Amino acid sequence: MDYSALMGPDRYDLAVSLASQYHMDPSQVLFGYLQVVSRVTGDQKMTKADLEDTRVRQTINTEFDHFLKQRH
């Protein structure tokens, strides 16, 4: 699944849906996603282009999926 919508204007709706599915609070979902993005992008200055890179997005999605399943 592509979780990049968690950085967009509809992020709260997706966070609520994921929170319900994984028995979490929406704030935990959003914070967890930001932690994964930060870890994946590291010390690099994050730009929109970084998140549009297919490899970066795939790594973020994989790690965030693991985060969600670990919390479940």
Protein backbone atom coordinates (compact mmCIF):
# COMPACT_ATOMS: atom_id res chain seq x y z
CA MET A 1 0.00 0.00 0.00
CA ASP A 2 1.15 3.54 -0.71
CA TYR A 3 0.92 5.57 2.50
CA SER A 4 2.15 8.84 0.95
CA ALA A 5 -1.33 10.33 1.39
CA LEU A 6 -0.34 10.69 5.06
CA MET A 7 1.66 13.72 3.89
CA GLY A 8 -1.26 15.20 1.95
CA PRO A 9 -4.40 17.17 2.75
CA ASP A 10 -6.46 14.01 3.44
CA ARG A 11 -3.93 12.62 5.92
CA TYR A 12 -6.29 12.66 8.88
CA ASP A 13 -8.94 10.54 7.14
CA LEU A 14 -6.34 7.91 6.24
CA ALA A 15 -4.81 8.08 9.73
CA VAL A 16 -8.25 7.47 11.30
CA SER A 17 -8.85 4.51 8.99
CA LEU A 18 -5.44 2.97 9.71
CA ALA A 19 -5.77 3.66 13.43
CA SER A 20 -9.07 1.81 13.51
CA GLN A 21 -7.64 -1.10 11.57
CA TYR A 22 -4.50 -1.41 13.75
CA HIS A 23 -6.08 -0.45 17.11
CA MET A 24 -4.10 2.75 17.48
CA ASP A 25 -4.80 6.44 17.93
CA PRO A 26 -4.66 8.54 14.71
CA SER A 27 -1.87 10.63 16.26
CA GLN A 28 0.22 7.47 16.69
CA VAL A 29 -0.25 6.66 13.01
CA LEU A 30 0.77 10.14 11.89
CA PHE A 31 3.72 10.34 14.26
CA GLY A 32 4.87 6.85 13.28
CA TYR A 33 4.75 7.78 9.60
CA LEU A 34 6.80 10.92 10.22
CA GLN A 35 9.34 8.89 12.19
CA VAL A 36 9.71 6.45 9.30
CA VAL A 37 10.05 9.26 6.75
CA SER A 38 12.68 10.90 8.92
CA ARG A 39 14.61 7.66 9.38
CA VAL A 40 14.53 6.82 5.66
CA THR A 41 15.53 10.26 4.48
CA GLY A 42 18.15 10.55 7.22
CA ASP A 43 20.12 13.74 7.45
CA GLN A 44 19.28 14.70 3.88
CA LYS A 45 17.43 17.95 3.45
CA MET A 46 13.96 16.67 2.64
CA THR A 47 12.34 18.06 -0.46
CA LYS A 48 9.21 17.08 -2.30
CA ALA A 49 11.37 15.38 -4.93
CA ASP A 50 12.74 12.99 -2.30
CA LEU A 51 9.27 11.69 -1.54
CA GLU A 52 8.41 11.38 -5.21
CA ASP A 53 11.41 9.12 -5.83
CA THR A 54 9.95 5.64 -6.35
CA ARG A 55 12.72 3.92 -4.38
CA VAL A 56 12.38 6.29 -1.42
CA ARG A 57 8.61 5.97 -1.38
CA GLN A 58 8.80 2.16 -1.58
CA THR A 59 11.25 2.05 1.33
CA ILE A 60 9.01 4.33 3.40
CA ASN A 61 5.93 2.25 2.58
CA THR A 62 7.68 -1.02 3.47
CA GLU A 63 9.03 0.31 6.77
CA PHE A 64 5.74 1.94 7.73
CA ASP A 65 3.83 -1.24 6.91
CA HIS A 66 6.23 -3.08 9.23
CA PHE A 67 5.63 -0.40 11.91
CA LEU A 68 1.86 -0.87 11.68
CA LYS A 69 2.02 -4.65 11.82
CA GLN A 70 4.46 -4.55 14.71
CA ARG A 71 2.03 -2.40 16.70
CA HIS A 72 -0.93 -4.64 15.89
